[in-house]
């Protein structure tokens, strides 16, 4: 029997702020929110994708992520513009001449926006 990914956990300074950003990016909804905002989880409305859990940690991000998300939009250029309006920034991690765009969320976590691919 194999396992499935239930939740991807992301350490952060401001769980609610980052959860709100990623909920807008992915069209997810808040599924869990602690009263003290130590943890906030978001998930797809259909619940068929892994949830993202944002947990407060005291230390700040200092180096490139060891794991990151790759987004598959219908229109890469339009999606990059939309994500930048939500608060993402373009970052250079040494990717050189590639077909994807590397962005960072409001806390500096890198992610990629791919050219359209079939699901």
PDB file of N, CA and C in Angstrom:
ATOM      1  N   UNK A   1       0.836  -1.182   0.000  1.00  0.00           N
ATOM      2  CA  UNK A   1       0.000   0.000   0.000  1.00  0.00           C
ATOM      3  C   UNK A   1       0.882   1.247   0.000  1.00  0.00           C
ATOM      4  N   UNK A   2       0.588   2.185  -0.871  1.00  0.00           N
ATOM      5  CA  UNK A   2       1.346   3.436  -0.972  1.00  0.00           C
ATOM      6  C   UNK A   2       0.654   4.539  -0.193  1.00  0.00           C
ATOM      7  N   UNK A   3       1.410   5.539   0.151  1.00  0.00           N
ATOM      8  CA  UNK A   3       0.847   6.711   0.829  1.00  0.00           C
ATOM      9  C   UNK A   3       0.446   7.762  -0.187  1.00  0.00           C
ATOM     10  N   UNK A   4      -0.377   8.694   0.242  1.00  0.00           N
ATOM     11  CA  UNK A   4      -0.728   9.853  -0.575  1.00  0.00           C
ATOM     12  C   UNK A   4      -0.373  11.103   0.221  1.00  0.00           C
ATOM     13  N   UNK A   5      -0.132  12.184  -0.476  1.00  0.00           N
ATOM     14  CA  UNK A   5       0.171  13.445   0.202  1.00  0.00           C
ATOM     15  C   UNK A   5      -1.140  14.055   0.670  1.00  0.00           C
ATOM     16  N   UNK A   6      -1.240  14.277   1.958  1.00  0.00           N
ATOM     17  CA  UNK A   6      -2.430  14.870   2.556  1.00  0.00           C
ATOM     18  C   UNK A   6      -2.248  16.379   2.731  1.00  0.00           C
ATOM     19  N   UNK A   7      -1.096  16.776   3.272  1.00  0.00           N
ATOM     20  CA  UNK A   7      -0.809  18.180   3.543  1.00  0.00           C
ATOM     21  C   UNK A   7       0.654  18.474   3.244  1.00  0.00           C
ATOM     22  N   UNK A   8       0.902  19.629   2.668  1.00  0.00           N
ATOM     23  CA  UNK A   8       2.250  20.153   2.512  1.00  0.00           C
ATOM     24  C   UNK A   8       2.363  21.289   3.522  1.00  0.00           C
ATOM     25  N   UNK A   9       3.327  21.189   4.439  1.00  0.00           N
ATOM     26  CA  UNK A   9       3.469  22.165   5.508  1.00  0.00           C
ATOM     27  C   UNK A   9       4.557  23.172   5.161  1.00  0.00           C
ATOM     28  N   UNK A  10       4.241  24.435   5.353  1.00  0.00           N
ATOM     29  CA  UNK A  10       5.158  25.520   5.034  1.00  0.00           C
ATOM     30  C   UNK A  10       5.393  26.346   6.290  1.00  0.00           C
ATOM     31  N   UNK A  11       6.657  26.418   6.720  1.00  0.00           N
ATOM     32  CA  UNK A  11       7.021  27.255   7.861  1.00  0.00           C
ATOM     33  C   UNK A  11       6.957  28.721   7.441  1.00  0.00           C
ATOM     34  N   UNK A  12       6.488  29.570   8.351  1.00  0.00           N
ATOM     35  CA  UNK A  12       6.386  30.986   8.005  1.00  0.00           C
ATOM     36  C   UNK A  12       6.276  31.839   9.260  1.00  0.00           C
ATOM     37  N   UNK A  13       6.372  33.140   9.067  1.00  0.00           N
ATOM     38  CA  UNK A  13       6.254  34.087  10.178  1.00  0.00           C
ATOM     39  C   UNK A  13       4.796  34.494  10.400  1.00  0.00           C
ATOM     40  N   UNK A  14       4.035  34.589   9.312  1.00  0.00           N
ATOM     41  CA  UNK A  14       2.649  35.049   9.393  1.00  0.00           C
ATOM     42  C   UNK A  14       1.728  34.070   8.671  1.00  0.00           C
ATOM     43  N   UNK A  15       1.273  33.026   9.360  1.00  0.00           N
ATOM     44  CA  UNK A  15       0.451  31.994   8.713  1.00  0.00           C
ATOM     45  C   UNK A  15      -0.787  32.526   7.998  1.00  0.00           C
ATOM     46  N   UNK A  16      -1.525  33.420   8.620  1.00  0.00           N
ATOM     47  CA  UNK A  16      -2.753  33.925   7.986  1.00  0.00           C
ATOM     48  C   UNK A  16      -2.432  34.676   6.698  1.00  0.00           C
ATOM     49  N   UNK A  17      -1.431  35.523   6.736  1.00  0.00           N
ATOM     50  CA  UNK A  17      -1.056  36.314   5.552  1.00  0.00           C
ATOM     51  C   UNK A  17      -0.644  35.401   4.403  1.00  0.00           C
ATOM     52  N   UNK A  18       0.187  34.408   4.690  1.00  0.00           N
ATOM     53  CA  UNK A  18       0.648  33.516   3.639  1.00  0.00           C
ATOM     54  C   UNK A  18      -0.472  32.604   3.150  1.00  0.00           C
ATOM     55  N   UNK A  19      -1.321  32.150   4.058  1.00  0.00           N
ATOM     56  CA  UNK A  19      -2.471  31.323   3.660  1.00  0.00           C
ATOM     57  C   UNK A  19      -3.393  32.116   2.740  1.00  0.00           C
ATOM     58  N   UNK A  20      -3.627  33.374   3.053  1.00  0.00           N
ATOM     59  CA  UNK A  20      -4.478  34.210   2.202  1.00  0.00           C
ATOM     60  C   UNK A  20      -3.871  34.364   0.804  1.00  0.00           C
ATOM     61  N   UNK A  21      -2.555  34.598   0.741  1.00  0.00           N
ATOM     62  CA  UNK A  21      -1.877  34.720  -0.552  1.00  0.00           C
ATOM     63  C   UNK A  21      -2.065  33.447  -1.368  1.00  0.00           C
ATOM     64  N   UNK A  22      -1.721  32.297  -0.783  1.00  0.00           N
ATOM     65  CA  UNK A  22      -1.783  31.039  -1.517  1.00  0.00           C
ATOM     66  C   UNK A  22      -3.217  30.615  -1.837  1.00  0.00           C
ATOM     67  N   UNK A  23      -4.173  30.972  -0.995  1.00  0.00           N
ATOM     68  CA  UNK A  23      -5.574  30.675  -1.301  1.00  0.00           C
ATOM     69  C   UNK A  23      -5.998  31.418  -2.567  1.00  0.00           C
ATOM     70  N   UNK A  24      -5.565  32.664  -2.707  1.00  0.00           N
ATOM     71  CA  UNK A  24      -5.868  33.426  -3.923  1.00  0.00           C
ATOM     72  C   UNK A  24      -5.143  32.851  -5.131  1.00  0.00           C
ATOM     73  N   UNK A  25      -3.890  32.451  -4.959  1.00  0.00           N
ATOM     74  CA  UNK A  25      -3.113  31.873  -6.058  1.00  0.00           C
ATOM     75  C   UNK A  25      -3.785  30.621  -6.589  1.00  0.00           C
ATOM     76  N   UNK A  26      -4.202  29.736  -5.689  1.00  0.00           N
ATOM     77  CA  UNK A  26      -4.673  28.405  -6.066  1.00  0.00           C
ATOM     78  C   UNK A  26      -6.188  28.253  -6.126  1.00  0.00           C
ATOM     79  N   UNK A  27      -6.928  29.267  -5.699  1.00  0.00           N
ATOM     80  CA  UNK A  27      -8.379  29.129  -5.638  1.00  0.00           C
ATOM     81  C   UNK A  27      -8.801  28.203  -4.508  1.00  0.00           C
ATOM     82  N   UNK A  28      -7.998  28.118  -3.451  1.00  0.00           N
ATOM     83  CA  UNK A  28      -8.278  27.277  -2.280  1.00  0.00           C
ATOM     84  C   UNK A  28      -9.110  28.064  -1.276  1.00  0.00           C
ATOM     85  N   UNK A  29      -9.609  27.357  -0.272  1.00  0.00           N
ATOM     86  CA  UNK A  29     -10.376  27.957   0.809  1.00  0.00           C
ATOM     87  C   UNK A  29      -9.728  27.595   2.141  1.00  0.00           C
ATOM     88  N   UNK A  30      -9.933  28.447   3.146  1.00  0.00           N
ATOM     89  CA  UNK A  30      -9.420  28.141   4.480  1.00  0.00           C
ATOM     90  C   UNK A  30     -10.181  26.937   5.026  1.00  0.00           C
ATOM     91  N   UNK A  31      -9.428  25.926   5.449  1.00  0.00           N
ATOM     92  CA  UNK A  31     -10.023  24.710   5.996  1.00  0.00           C
ATOM     93  C   UNK A  31      -9.855  24.638   7.506  1.00  0.00           C
ATOM     94  N   UNK A  32      -8.852  25.317   8.026  1.00  0.00           N
ATOM     95  CA  UNK A  32      -8.541  25.269   9.455  1.00  0.00           C
ATOM     96  C   UNK A  32      -7.786  26.533   9.810  1.00  0.00           C
ATOM     97  N   UNK A  33      -8.178  27.135  10.913  1.00  0.00           N
ATOM     98  CA  UNK A  33      -7.538  28.368  11.358  1.00  0.00           C
ATOM     99  C   UNK A  33      -7.567  28.392  12.884  1.00  0.00           C
ATOM    100  N   UNK A  34      -6.411  28.217  13.513  1.00  0.00           N
ATOM    101  CA  UNK A  34      -6.346  28.280  14.971  1.00  0.00           C
ATOM    102  C   UNK A  34      -6.664  29.696  15.431  1.00  0.00           C
ATOM    103  N   UNK A  35      -7.282  29.813  16.583  1.00  0.00           N
ATOM    104  CA  UNK A  35      -7.624  31.132  17.127  1.00  0.00           C
ATOM    105  C   UNK A  35      -6.407  32.021  17.284  1.00  0.00           C
ATOM    106  N   UNK A  36      -5.272  31.427  17.656  1.00  0.00           N
ATOM    107  CA  UNK A  36      -4.066  32.224  17.861  1.00  0.00           C
ATOM    108  C   UNK A  36      -3.235  32.363  16.586  1.00  0.00           C
ATOM    109  N   UNK A  37      -3.757  31.862  15.474  1.00  0.00           N
ATOM    110  CA  UNK A  37      -3.114  31.945  14.154  1.00  0.00           C
ATOM    111  C   UNK A  37      -1.728  31.323  14.122  1.00  0.00           C
ATOM    112  N   UNK A  38      -1.503  30.301  14.928  1.00  0.00           N
ATOM    113  CA  UNK A  38      -0.237  29.568  14.858  1.00  0.00           C
ATOM    114  C   UNK A  38      -0.206  28.660  13.633  1.00  0.00           C
ATOM    115  N   UNK A  39      -1.377  28.185  13.214  1.00  0.00           N
ATOM    116  CA  UNK A  39      -1.489  27.340  12.029  1.00  0.00           C
ATOM    117  C   UNK A  39      -2.761  27.701  11.267  1.00  0.00           C
ATOM    118  N   UNK A  40      -2.615  27.773   9.946  1.00  0.00           N
ATOM    119  CA  UNK A  40      -3.758  27.996   9.066  1.00  0.00           C
ATOM    120  C   UNK A  40      -3.595  27.022   7.904  1.00  0.00           C
ATOM    121  N   UNK A  41      -4.673  26.294   7.587  1.00  0.00           N
ATOM    122  CA  UNK A  41      -4.641  25.346   6.474  1.00  0.00           C
ATOM    123  C   UNK A  41      -5.627  25.781   5.403  1.00  0.00           C
ATOM    124  N   UNK A  42      -5.230  25.572   4.152  1.00  0.00           N
ATOM    125  CA  UNK A  42      -6.119  25.833   3.028  1.00  0.00           C
ATOM    126  C   UNK A  42      -6.194  24.571   2.186  1.00  0.00           C
ATOM    127  N   UNK A  43      -7.326  24.408   1.474  1.00  0.00           N
ATOM    128  CA  UNK A  43      -7.479  23.239   0.618  1.00  0.00           C
ATOM    129  C   UNK A  43      -8.345  23.589  -0.585  1.00  0.00           C
ATOM    130  N   UNK A  44      -8.264  22.757  -1.605  1.00  0.00           N
ATOM    131  CA  UNK A  44      -9.088  22.928  -2.793  1.00  0.00           C
ATOM    132  C   UNK A  44     -10.551  22.747  -2.405  1.00  0.00           C
ATOM    133  N   UNK A  45     -11.461  23.494  -3.026  1.00  0.00           N
ATOM    134  CA  UNK A  45     -12.875  23.349  -2.688  1.00  0.00           C
ATOM    135  C   UNK A  45     -13.369  21.908  -2.827  1.00  0.00           C
ATOM    136  N   UNK A  46     -12.842  21.178  -3.788  1.00  0.00           N
ATOM    137  CA  UNK A  46     -13.248  19.793  -3.999  1.00  0.00           C
ATOM    138  C   UNK A  46     -12.532  18.845  -3.037  1.00  0.00           C
ATOM    139  N   UNK A  47     -11.478  19.320  -2.392  1.00  0.00           N
ATOM    140  CA  UNK A  47     -10.731  18.502  -1.446  1.00  0.00           C
ATOM    141  C   UNK A  47      -9.915  17.395  -2.079  1.00  0.00           C
ATOM    142  N   UNK A  48      -9.684  17.462  -3.388  1.00  0.00           N
ATOM    143  CA  UNK A  48      -8.979  16.373  -4.063  1.00  0.00           C
ATOM    144  C   UNK A  48      -7.481  16.605  -4.246  1.00  0.00           C
ATOM    145  N   UNK A  49      -6.975  17.701  -3.759  1.00  0.00           N
ATOM    146  CA  UNK A  49      -5.543  18.000  -3.860  1.00  0.00           C
ATOM    147  C   UNK A  49      -4.967  18.088  -2.451  1.00  0.00           C
ATOM    148  N   UNK A  50      -3.657  17.996  -2.327  1.00  0.00           N
ATOM    149  CA  UNK A  50      -3.088  18.176  -0.987  1.00  0.00           C
ATOM    150  C   UNK A  50      -3.431  19.561  -0.429  1.00  0.00           C
ATOM    151  N   UNK A  51      -3.684  19.609   0.849  1.00  0.00           N
ATOM    152  CA  UNK A  51      -3.892  20.885   1.534  1.00  0.00           C
ATOM    153  C   UNK A  51      -2.526  21.512   1.802  1.00  0.00           C
ATOM    154  N   UNK A  52      -2.509  22.812   2.015  1.00  0.00           N
ATOM    155  CA  UNK A  52      -1.301  23.511   2.444  1.00  0.00           C
ATOM    156  C   UNK A  52      -1.534  23.991   3.873  1.00  0.00           C
ATOM    157  N   UNK A  53      -0.587  23.691   4.743  1.00  0.00           N
ATOM    158  CA  UNK A  53      -0.659  24.093   6.143  1.00  0.00           C
ATOM    159  C   UNK A  53       0.478  25.064   6.412  1.00  0.00           C
ATOM    160  N   UNK A  54       0.142  26.245   6.902  1.00  0.00           N
ATOM    161  CA  UNK A  54       1.124  27.271   7.196  1.00  0.00           C
ATOM    162  C   UNK A  54       1.289  27.343   8.707  1.00  0.00           C
ATOM    163  N   UNK A  55       2.507  27.076   9.184  1.00  0.00           N
ATOM    164  CA  UNK A  55       2.771  27.055  10.615  1.00  0.00           C
ATOM    165  C   UNK A  55       3.795  28.101  11.010  1.00  0.00           C
ATOM    166  N   UNK A  56       3.493  28.804  12.075  1.00  0.00           N
ATOM    167  CA  UNK A  56       4.382  29.867  12.551  1.00  0.00           C
ATOM    168  C   UNK A  56       5.666  29.270  13.140  1.00  0.00           C
ATOM    169  N   UNK A  57       6.794  29.831  12.736  1.00  0.00           N
ATOM    170  CA  UNK A  57       8.092  29.475  13.305  1.00  0.00           C
ATOM    171  C   UNK A  57       8.811  30.782  13.666  1.00  0.00           C
ATOM    172  N   UNK A  58       9.710  30.739  14.651  1.00  0.00           N
ATOM    173  CA  UNK A  58      10.364  31.980  15.077  1.00  0.00           C
ATOM    174  C   UNK A  58      11.471  32.466  14.140  1.00  0.00           C
ATOM    175  N   UNK A  59      12.101  31.558  13.416  1.00  0.00           N
ATOM    176  CA  UNK A  59      13.219  31.965  12.560  1.00  0.00           C
ATOM    177  C   UNK A  59      12.708  32.358  11.169  1.00  0.00           C
ATOM    178  N   UNK A  60      13.451  33.240  10.509  1.00  0.00           N
ATOM    179  CA  UNK A  60      13.077  33.669   9.162  1.00  0.00           C
ATOM    180  C   UNK A  60      13.772  32.790   8.123  1.00  0.00           C
ATOM    181  N   UNK A  61      13.261  32.848   6.911  1.00  0.00           N
ATOM    182  CA  UNK A  61      13.846  32.105   5.801  1.00  0.00           C
ATOM    183  C   UNK A  61      15.203  32.715   5.468  1.00  0.00           C
ATOM    184  N   UNK A  62      16.217  31.868   5.246  1.00  0.00           N
ATOM    185  CA  UNK A  62      17.555  32.401   4.981  1.00  0.00           C
ATOM    186  C   UNK A  62      18.174  31.879   3.696  1.00  0.00           C
ATOM    187  N   UNK A  63      17.746  30.734   3.192  1.00  0.00           N
ATOM    188  CA  UNK A  63      18.329  30.165   1.980  1.00  0.00           C
ATOM    189  C   UNK A  63      17.230  29.685   1.043  1.00  0.00           C
ATOM    190  N   UNK A  64      17.632  29.271  -0.152  1.00  0.00           N
ATOM    191  CA  UNK A  64      16.693  28.739  -1.138  1.00  0.00           C
ATOM    192  C   UNK A  64      15.930  27.544  -0.556  1.00  0.00           C
ATOM    193  N   UNK A  65      14.653  27.460  -0.926  1.00  0.00           N
ATOM    194  CA  UNK A  65      13.818  26.338  -0.462  1.00  0.00           C
ATOM    195  C   UNK A  65      14.422  25.004  -0.863  1.00  0.00           C
ATOM    196  N   UNK A  66      14.225  23.981  -0.041  1.00  0.00           N
ATOM    197  CA  UNK A  66      14.603  22.613  -0.384  1.00  0.00           C
ATOM    198  C   UNK A  66      13.488  21.931  -1.164  1.00  0.00           C
ATOM    199  N   UNK A  67      12.281  22.466  -1.098  1.00  0.00           N
ATOM    200  CA  UNK A  67      11.138  21.961  -1.841  1.00  0.00           C
ATOM    201  C   UNK A  67      10.332  23.180  -2.273  1.00  0.00           C
ATOM    202  N   UNK A  68       9.742  23.095  -3.459  1.00  0.00           N
ATOM    203  CA  UNK A  68       8.939  24.227  -3.917  1.00  0.00           C
ATOM    204  C   UNK A  68       7.781  23.722  -4.764  1.00  0.00           C
ATOM    205  N   UNK A  69       6.828  24.603  -5.025  1.00  0.00           N
ATOM    206  CA  UNK A  69       5.662  24.271  -5.828  1.00  0.00           C
ATOM    207  C   UNK A  69       5.894  24.729  -7.266  1.00  0.00           C
ATOM    208  N   UNK A  70       5.411  23.929  -8.219  1.00  0.00           N
ATOM    209  CA  UNK A  70       5.395  24.296  -9.633  1.00  0.00           C
ATOM    210  C   UNK A  70       3.938  24.496 -10.031  1.00  0.00           C
ATOM    211  N   UNK A  71       3.612  25.679 -10.536  1.00  0.00           N
ATOM    212  CA  UNK A  71       2.250  25.977 -10.952  1.00  0.00           C
ATOM    213  C   UNK A  71       2.105  25.781 -12.451  1.00  0.00           C
ATOM    214  N   UNK A  72       0.953  25.278 -12.873  1.00  0.00           N
ATOM    215  CA  UNK A  72       0.683  24.973 -14.277  1.00  0.00           C
ATOM    216  C   UNK A  72      -0.500  25.815 -14.758  1.00  0.00           C
ATOM    217  N   UNK A  73      -0.246  27.055 -15.204  1.00  0.00           N
ATOM    218  CA  UNK A  73      -1.336  27.924 -15.647  1.00  0.00           C
ATOM    219  C   UNK A  73      -1.706  27.681 -17.112  1.00  0.00           C
ATOM    220  N   UNK A  74      -2.869  28.229 -17.498  1.00  0.00           N
ATOM    221  CA  UNK A  74      -3.257  28.199 -18.917  1.00  0.00           C
ATOM    222  C   UNK A  74      -2.426  29.183 -19.729  1.00  0.00           C
ATOM    223  N   UNK A  75      -2.060  30.296 -19.108  1.00  0.00           N
ATOM    224  CA  UNK A  75      -1.311  31.362 -19.778  1.00  0.00           C
ATOM    225  C   UNK A  75      -0.233  31.844 -18.811  1.00  0.00           C
ATOM    226  N   UNK A  76       1.011  31.464 -19.064  1.00  0.00           N
ATOM    227  CA  UNK A  76       2.104  31.770 -18.135  1.00  0.00           C
ATOM    228  C   UNK A  76       2.271  33.270 -17.919  1.00  0.00           C
ATOM    229  N   UNK A  77       2.314  34.037 -18.980  1.00  0.00           N
ATOM    230  CA  UNK A  77       2.556  35.473 -18.860  1.00  0.00           C
ATOM    231  C   UNK A  77       1.454  36.164 -18.060  1.00  0.00           C
ATOM    232  N   UNK A  78       0.206  35.838 -18.350  1.00  0.00           N
ATOM    233  CA  UNK A  78      -0.914  36.431 -17.623  1.00  0.00           C
ATOM    234  C   UNK A  78      -0.885  36.007 -16.151  1.00  0.00           C
ATOM    235  N   UNK A  79      -0.538  34.756 -15.881  1.00  0.00           N
ATOM    236  CA  UNK A  79      -0.504  34.276 -14.504  1.00  0.00           C
ATOM    237  C   UNK A  79       0.612  34.946 -13.715  1.00  0.00           C
ATOM    238  N   UNK A  80       1.775  35.140 -14.327  1.00  0.00           N
ATOM    239  CA  UNK A  80       2.870  35.832 -13.641  1.00  0.00           C
ATOM    240  C   UNK A  80       2.430  37.243 -13.268  1.00  0.00           C
ATOM    241  N   UNK A  81       1.774  37.939 -14.184  1.00  0.00           N
ATOM    242  CA  UNK A  81       1.278  39.295 -13.883  1.00  0.00           C
ATOM    243  C   UNK A  81       0.281  39.257 -12.717  1.00  0.00           C
ATOM    244  N   UNK A  82      -0.640  38.296 -12.737  1.00  0.00           N
ATOM    245  CA  UNK A  82      -1.640  38.174 -11.674  1.00  0.00           C
ATOM    246  C   UNK A  82      -0.972  37.907 -10.322  1.00  0.00           C
ATOM    247  N   UNK A  83       0.002  37.007 -10.312  1.00  0.00           N
ATOM    248  CA  UNK A  83       0.680  36.657  -9.064  1.00  0.00           C
ATOM    249  C   UNK A  83       1.491  37.826  -8.517  1.00  0.00           C
ATOM    250  N   UNK A  84       2.092  38.595  -9.400  1.00  0.00           N
ATOM    251  CA  UNK A  84       2.819  39.788  -8.956  1.00  0.00           C
ATOM    252  C   UNK A  84       1.855  40.804  -8.348  1.00  0.00           C
ATOM    253  N   UNK A  85       0.660  40.920  -8.894  1.00  0.00           N
ATOM    254  CA  UNK A  85      -0.338  41.829  -8.319  1.00  0.00           C
ATOM    255  C   UNK A  85      -0.788  41.356  -6.936  1.00  0.00           C
ATOM    256  N   UNK A  86      -0.736  40.034  -6.702  1.00  0.00           N
ATOM    257  CA  UNK A  86      -1.095  39.488  -5.395  1.00  0.00           C
ATOM    258  C   UNK A  86       0.031  39.642  -4.370  1.00  0.00           C
ATOM    259  N   UNK A  87       1.248  39.970  -4.833  1.00  0.00           N
ATOM    260  CA  UNK A  87       2.364  40.172  -3.910  1.00  0.00           C
ATOM    261  C   UNK A  87       3.589  39.316  -4.174  1.00  0.00           C
ATOM    262  N   UNK A  88       3.563  38.480  -5.213  1.00  0.00           N
ATOM    263  CA  UNK A  88       4.744  37.687  -5.568  1.00  0.00           C
ATOM    264  C   UNK A  88       5.787  38.591  -6.217  1.00  0.00           C
ATOM    265  N   UNK A  89       7.046  38.176  -6.126  1.00  0.00           N
ATOM    266  CA  UNK A  89       8.128  38.913  -6.767  1.00  0.00           C
ATOM    267  C   UNK A  89       8.963  37.957  -7.603  1.00  0.00           C
ATOM    268  N   UNK A  90       9.522  38.468  -8.686  1.00  0.00           N
ATOM    269  CA  UNK A  90      10.410  37.679  -9.536  1.00  0.00           C
ATOM    270  C   UNK A  90      11.748  37.541  -8.829  1.00  0.00           C
ATOM    271  N   UNK A  91      12.311  36.333  -8.840  1.00  0.00           N
ATOM    272  CA  UNK A  91      13.606  36.109  -8.201  1.00  0.00           C
ATOM    273  C   UNK A  91      14.535  35.361  -9.149  1.00  0.00           C
ATOM    274  N   UNK A  92      15.813  35.579  -8.957  1.00  0.00           N
ATOM    275  CA  UNK A  92      16.836  34.889  -9.731  1.00  0.00           C
ATOM    276  C   UNK A  92      17.574  33.945  -8.788  1.00  0.00           C
ATOM    277  N   UNK A  93      17.419  32.656  -9.036  1.00  0.00           N
ATOM    278  CA  UNK A  93      18.124  31.655  -8.238  1.00  0.00           C
ATOM    279  C   UNK A  93      19.196  30.973  -9.087  1.00  0.00           C
ATOM    280  N   UNK A  94      19.575  31.651 -10.178  1.00  0.00           N
ATOM    281  CA  UNK A  94      20.570  31.090 -11.077  1.00  0.00           C
ATOM    282  C   UNK A  94      19.973  30.217 -12.161  1.00  0.00           C
ATOM    283  N   UNK A  95      18.689  30.403 -12.467  1.00  0.00           N
ATOM    284  CA  UNK A  95      18.005  29.527 -13.413  1.00  0.00           C
ATOM    285  C   UNK A  95      18.410  29.742 -14.875  1.00  0.00           C
ATOM    286  N   UNK A  96      19.055  30.836 -15.189  1.00  0.00           N
ATOM    287  CA  UNK A  96      19.523  31.144 -16.547  1.00  0.00           C
ATOM    288  C   UNK A  96      18.359  31.172 -17.541  1.00  0.00           C
ATOM    289  N   UNK A  97      18.533  30.613 -18.747  1.00  0.00           N
ATOM    290  CA  UNK A  97      17.535  30.666 -19.815  1.00  0.00           C
ATOM    291  C   UNK A  97      16.656  29.417 -19.757  1.00  0.00           C
ATOM    292  N   UNK A  98      15.481  29.543 -19.117  1.00  0.00           N
ATOM    293  CA  UNK A  98      14.569  28.413 -18.943  1.00  0.00           C
ATOM    294  C   UNK A  98      13.161  28.815 -19.368  1.00  0.00           C
ATOM    295  N   UNK A  99      12.282  27.842 -19.504  1.00  0.00           N
ATOM    296  CA  UNK A  99      10.913  28.128 -19.941  1.00  0.00           C
ATOM    297  C   UNK A  99       9.986  28.504 -18.788  1.00  0.00           C
ATOM    298  N   UNK A 100      10.424  28.327 -17.543  1.00  0.00           N
ATOM    299  CA  UNK A 100       9.579  28.663 -16.403  1.00  0.00           C
ATOM    300  C   UNK A 100      10.028  29.975 -15.794  1.00  0.00           C
ATOM    301  N   UNK A 101       9.164  30.560 -14.970  1.00  0.00           N
ATOM    302  CA  UNK A 101       9.460  31.805 -14.270  1.00  0.00           C
ATOM    303  C   UNK A 101       9.522  31.493 -12.780  1.00  0.00           C
ATOM    304  N   UNK A 102      10.574  31.949 -12.133  1.00  0.00           N
ATOM    305  CA  UNK A 102      10.715  31.736 -10.693  1.00  0.00           C
ATOM    306  C   UNK A 102      10.236  32.986  -9.969  1.00  0.00           C
ATOM    307  N   UNK A 103       9.285  32.773  -9.065  1.00  0.00           N
ATOM    308  CA  UNK A 103       8.749  33.852  -8.241  1.00  0.00           C
ATOM    309  C   UNK A 103       8.946  33.495  -6.775  1.00  0.00           C
ATOM    310  N   UNK A 104       8.722  34.463  -5.915  1.00  0.00           N
ATOM    311  CA  UNK A 104       8.740  34.228  -4.468  1.00  0.00           C
ATOM    312  C   UNK A 104       7.440  34.774  -3.891  1.00  0.00           C
ATOM    313  N   UNK A 105       6.895  34.050  -2.907  1.00  0.00           N
ATOM    314  CA  UNK A 105       5.685  34.508  -2.237  1.00  0.00           C
ATOM    315  C   UNK A 105       6.051  35.658  -1.292  1.00  0.00           C
ATOM    316  N   UNK A 106       5.093  36.248  -0.580  1.00  0.00           N
ATOM    317  CA  UNK A 106       5.399  37.397   0.278  1.00  0.00           C
ATOM    318  C   UNK A 106       6.433  37.143   1.376  1.00  0.00           C
ATOM    319  N   UNK A 107       6.724  35.888   1.713  1.00  0.00           N
ATOM    320  CA  UNK A 107       7.758  35.603   2.716  1.00  0.00           C
ATOM    321  C   UNK A 107       9.039  35.082   2.081  1.00  0.00           C
ATOM    322  N   UNK A 108       9.123  35.139   0.748  1.00  0.00           N
ATOM    323  CA  UNK A 108      10.358  34.777   0.067  1.00  0.00           C
ATOM    324  C   UNK A 108      10.488  33.324  -0.350  1.00  0.00           C
ATOM    325  N   UNK A 109       9.431  32.524  -0.191  1.00  0.00           N
ATOM    326  CA  UNK A 109       9.476  31.125  -0.616  1.00  0.00           C
ATOM    327  C   UNK A 109       9.363  31.041  -2.134  1.00  0.00           C
ATOM    328  N   UNK A 110      10.358  30.430  -2.760  1.00  0.00           N
ATOM    329  CA  UNK A 110      10.374  30.346  -4.211  1.00  0.00           C
ATOM    330  C   UNK A 110       9.353  29.334  -4.723  1.00  0.00           C
ATOM    331  N   UNK A 111       8.804  29.634  -5.907  1.00  0.00           N
ATOM    332  CA  UNK A 111       7.948  28.694  -6.629  1.00  0.00           C
ATOM    333  C   UNK A 111       8.083  29.005  -8.111  1.00  0.00           C
ATOM    334  N   UNK A 112       7.682  28.064  -8.953  1.00  0.00           N
ATOM    335  CA  UNK A 112       7.833  28.236 -10.398  1.00  0.00           C
ATOM    336  C   UNK A 112       6.479  28.304 -11.086  1.00  0.00           C
ATOM    337  N   UNK A 113       6.412  29.124 -12.127  1.00  0.00           N
ATOM    338  CA  UNK A 113       5.237  29.184 -12.983  1.00  0.00           C
ATOM    339  C   UNK A 113       5.679  28.606 -14.322  1.00  0.00           C
ATOM    340  N   UNK A 114       5.127  27.448 -14.649  1.00  0.00           N
ATOM    341  CA  UNK A 114       5.512  26.715 -15.852  1.00  0.00           C
ATOM    342  C   UNK A 114       4.789  27.232 -17.071  1.00  0.00           C
ATOM    343  N   UNK A 115       5.273  26.833 -18.246  1.00  0.00           N
ATOM    344  CA  UNK A 115       4.483  27.014 -19.446  1.00  0.00           C
ATOM    345  C   UNK A 115       3.362  25.978 -19.379  1.00  0.00           C
ATOM    346  N   UNK A 116       2.230  26.215 -20.038  1.00  0.00           N
ATOM    347  CA  UNK A 116       1.100  25.289 -19.930  1.00  0.00           C
ATOM    348  C   UNK A 116       1.484  23.850 -20.264  1.00  0.00           C
ATOM    349  N   UNK A 117       1.014  22.936 -19.415  1.00  0.00           N
ATOM    350  CA  UNK A 117       1.217  21.504 -19.605  1.00  0.00           C
ATOM    351  C   UNK A 117      -0.119  20.817 -19.415  1.00  0.00           C
ATOM    352  N   UNK A 118      -0.268  19.667 -20.057  1.00  0.00           N
ATOM    353  CA  UNK A 118      -1.498  18.898 -19.851  1.00  0.00           C
ATOM    354  C   UNK A 118      -1.490  18.298 -18.444  1.00  0.00           C
ATOM    355  N   UNK A 119      -2.667  18.280 -17.839  1.00  0.00           N
ATOM    356  CA  UNK A 119      -2.777  17.741 -16.478  1.00  0.00           C
ATOM    357  C   UNK A 119      -2.523  16.250 -16.458  1.00  0.00           C
TER     358      UNK A 119
END
